[in-house]
Amino acid sequence: MVFTEMISPSATVRDVIQRHPQTREVFEAMGIRVCCWDCALRTAALRGGIDLSGLLTALDEAACGQA
Protein backbone atom coordinates (compact mmCIF):
# COMPACT_ATOMS: atom_id res chain seq x y z
CA MET A 1 0.00 0.00 0.00
CA VAL A 2 1.24 3.47 -0.85
CA PHE A 3 1.64 6.00 1.95
CA THR A 4 -0.47 9.05 1.07
CA GLU A 5 -1.33 10.79 4.35
CA MET A 6 -0.11 11.18 7.89
CA ILE A 7 -1.30 8.61 10.41
CA SER A 8 -3.95 10.05 12.73
CA PRO A 9 -3.79 9.78 16.53
CA SER A 10 -7.43 8.66 16.43
CA ALA A 11 -6.63 5.61 14.25
CA THR A 12 -6.55 2.30 16.08
CA VAL A 13 -3.37 0.26 16.34
CA ARG A 14 -5.10 -2.55 14.43
CA ASP A 15 -6.10 -0.22 11.56
CA VAL A 16 -2.58 1.15 11.22
CA ILE A 17 -1.06 -2.35 11.13
CA GLN A 18 -3.62 -3.55 8.59
CA ARG A 19 -2.97 -0.59 6.29
CA HIS A 20 0.79 -0.47 6.87
CA PRO A 21 2.10 -3.89 8.02
CA GLN A 22 5.64 -2.53 8.27
CA THR A 23 4.55 -0.42 11.28
CA ARG A 24 4.16 -3.54 13.42
CA GLU A 25 7.86 -3.39 14.31
CA VAL A 26 7.42 0.17 15.61
CA PHE A 27 4.60 -0.92 17.91
CA GLU A 28 6.62 -3.88 19.17
CA ALA A 29 9.73 -1.75 19.75
CA MET A 30 7.70 0.78 21.74
CA GLY A 31 6.04 -1.92 23.84
CA ILE A 32 2.52 -1.58 22.46
CA ARG A 33 1.05 -5.06 22.80
CA VAL A 34 -1.93 -6.93 21.39
CA CYS A 35 -4.12 -5.84 24.31
CA CYS A 36 -3.99 -2.27 22.92
CA TRP A 37 -4.71 -3.14 19.28
CA ASP A 38 -8.29 -1.85 19.43
CA CYS A 39 -7.20 1.37 21.16
CA ALA A 40 -6.71 4.68 19.39
CA LEU A 41 -3.03 5.54 19.04
CA ARG A 42 -3.54 8.41 21.48
CA THR A 43 -4.86 5.98 24.11
CA ALA A 44 -2.19 3.34 23.47
CA ALA A 45 0.55 5.97 23.86
CA LEU A 46 -0.97 7.27 27.09
CA ARG A 47 -1.33 3.77 28.56
CA GLY A 48 2.26 2.91 27.64
CA GLY A 49 3.78 6.21 28.76
CA ILE A 50 4.92 6.82 25.17
CA ASP A 51 5.34 10.26 23.62
CA LEU A 52 2.48 10.51 21.10
CA SER A 53 4.38 12.82 18.76
CA GLY A 54 7.35 10.45 18.67
CA LEU A 55 5.09 7.47 18.05
CA LEU A 56 3.33 9.19 15.15
CA THR A 57 6.63 10.25 13.61
CA ALA A 58 8.02 6.71 13.84
CA LEU A 59 4.83 5.26 12.35
CA ASP A 60 4.76 7.78 9.49
CA GLU A 61 8.41 7.03 8.70
CA ALA A 62 7.80 3.28 8.74
CA ALA A 63 4.65 3.63 6.63
CA CYS A 64 6.45 5.58 3.92
CA GLY A 65 9.53 3.34 4.01
CA GLN A 66 11.96 5.68 5.77
CA ALA A 67 12.45 3.56 8.88
C-alpha atoms as a PDB file:
ATOM      1  CA  MET A   1       0.000   0.000   0.000  1.00  0.00           C
ATOM      2  CA  VAL A   2       1.239   3.468  -0.847  1.00  0.00           C
ATOM      3  CA  PHE A   3       1.642   5.995   1.952  1.00  0.00           C
ATOM      4  CA  THR A   4      -0.466   9.046   1.070  1.00  0.00           C
ATOM      5  CA  GLU A   5      -1.327  10.786   4.352  1.00  0.00           C
ATOM      6  CA  MET A   6      -0.109  11.183   7.890  1.00  0.00           C
ATOM      7  CA  ILE A   7      -1.303   8.612  10.414  1.00  0.00           C
ATOM      8  CA  SER A   8      -3.946  10.051  12.728  1.00  0.00           C
ATOM      9  CA  PRO A   9      -3.785   9.781  16.530  1.00  0.00           C
ATOM     10  CA  SER A  10      -7.432   8.662  16.431  1.00  0.00           C
ATOM     11  CA  ALA A  11      -6.633   5.609  14.251  1.00  0.00           C
ATOM     12  CA  THR A  12      -6.547   2.297  16.077  1.00  0.00           C
ATOM     13  CA  VAL A  13      -3.374   0.259  16.343  1.00  0.00           C
ATOM     14  CA  ARG A  14      -5.096  -2.551  14.428  1.00  0.00           C
ATOM     15  CA  ASP A  15      -6.099  -0.220  11.558  1.00  0.00           C
ATOM     16  CA  VAL A  16      -2.580   1.145  11.217  1.00  0.00           C
ATOM     17  CA  ILE A  17      -1.059  -2.349  11.132  1.00  0.00           C
ATOM     18  CA  GLN A  18      -3.618  -3.553   8.591  1.00  0.00           C
ATOM     19  CA  ARG A  19      -2.968  -0.587   6.295  1.00  0.00           C
ATOM     20  CA  HIS A  20       0.791  -0.473   6.869  1.00  0.00           C
ATOM     21  CA  PRO A  21       2.101  -3.894   8.022  1.00  0.00           C
ATOM     22  CA  GLN A  22       5.641  -2.528   8.269  1.00  0.00           C
ATOM     23  CA  THR A  23       4.547  -0.421  11.282  1.00  0.00           C
ATOM     24  CA  ARG A  24       4.163  -3.541  13.422  1.00  0.00           C
ATOM     25  CA  GLU A  25       7.865  -3.387  14.309  1.00  0.00           C
ATOM     26  CA  VAL A  26       7.417   0.168  15.611  1.00  0.00           C
ATOM     27  CA  PHE A  27       4.604  -0.923  17.908  1.00  0.00           C
ATOM     28  CA  GLU A  28       6.617  -3.884  19.170  1.00  0.00           C
ATOM     29  CA  ALA A  29       9.731  -1.748  19.746  1.00  0.00           C
ATOM     30  CA  MET A  30       7.700   0.782  21.738  1.00  0.00           C
ATOM     31  CA  GLY A  31       6.042  -1.921  23.845  1.00  0.00           C
ATOM     32  CA  ILE A  32       2.523  -1.581  22.457  1.00  0.00           C
ATOM     33  CA  ARG A  33       1.048  -5.056  22.802  1.00  0.00           C
ATOM     34  CA  VAL A  34      -1.926  -6.929  21.386  1.00  0.00           C
ATOM     35  CA  CYS A  35      -4.125  -5.836  24.306  1.00  0.00           C
ATOM     36  CA  CYS A  36      -3.993  -2.274  22.918  1.00  0.00           C
ATOM     37  CA  TRP A  37      -4.713  -3.136  19.283  1.00  0.00           C
ATOM     38  CA  ASP A  38      -8.285  -1.849  19.433  1.00  0.00           C
ATOM     39  CA  CYS A  39      -7.204   1.372  21.158  1.00  0.00           C
ATOM     40  CA  ALA A  40      -6.709   4.677  19.393  1.00  0.00           C
ATOM     41  CA  LEU A  41      -3.029   5.544  19.040  1.00  0.00           C
ATOM     42  CA  ARG A  42      -3.545   8.414  21.483  1.00  0.00           C
ATOM     43  CA  THR A  43      -4.856   5.983  24.111  1.00  0.00           C
ATOM     44  CA  ALA A  44      -2.191   3.341  23.469  1.00  0.00           C
ATOM     45  CA  ALA A  45       0.547   5.966  23.859  1.00  0.00           C
ATOM     46  CA  LEU A  46      -0.974   7.274  27.087  1.00  0.00           C
ATOM     47  CA  ARG A  47      -1.326   3.772  28.557  1.00  0.00           C
ATOM     48  CA  GLY A  48       2.256   2.912  27.636  1.00  0.00           C
ATOM     49  CA  GLY A  49       3.785   6.210  28.758  1.00  0.00           C
ATOM     50  CA  ILE A  50       4.918   6.823  25.172  1.00  0.00           C
ATOM     51  CA  ASP A  51       5.338  10.261  23.622  1.00  0.00           C
ATOM     52  CA  LEU A  52       2.480  10.506  21.097  1.00  0.00           C
ATOM     53  CA  SER A  53       4.381  12.817  18.758  1.00  0.00           C
ATOM     54  CA  GLY A  54       7.352  10.453  18.674  1.00  0.00           C
ATOM     55  CA  LEU A  55       5.093   7.469  18.047  1.00  0.00           C
ATOM     56  CA  LEU A  56       3.327   9.195  15.151  1.00  0.00           C
ATOM     57  CA  THR A  57       6.630  10.255  13.613  1.00  0.00           C
ATOM     58  CA  ALA A  58       8.019   6.708  13.842  1.00  0.00           C
ATOM     59  CA  LEU A  59       4.831   5.256  12.346  1.00  0.00           C
ATOM     60  CA  ASP A  60       4.762   7.778   9.493  1.00  0.00           C
ATOM     61  CA  GLU A  61       8.411   7.028   8.701  1.00  0.00           C
ATOM     62  CA  ALA A  62       7.800   3.282   8.740  1.00  0.00           C
ATOM     63  CA  ALA A  63       4.646   3.626   6.627  1.00  0.00           C
ATOM     64  CA  CYS A  64       6.454   5.579   3.919  1.00  0.00           C
ATOM     65  CA  GLY A  65       9.530   3.343   4.010  1.00  0.00           C
ATOM     66  CA  GLN A  66      11.964   5.677   5.770  1.00  0.00           C
ATOM     67  CA  ALA A  67      12.452   3.559   8.881  1.00  0.00           C
END
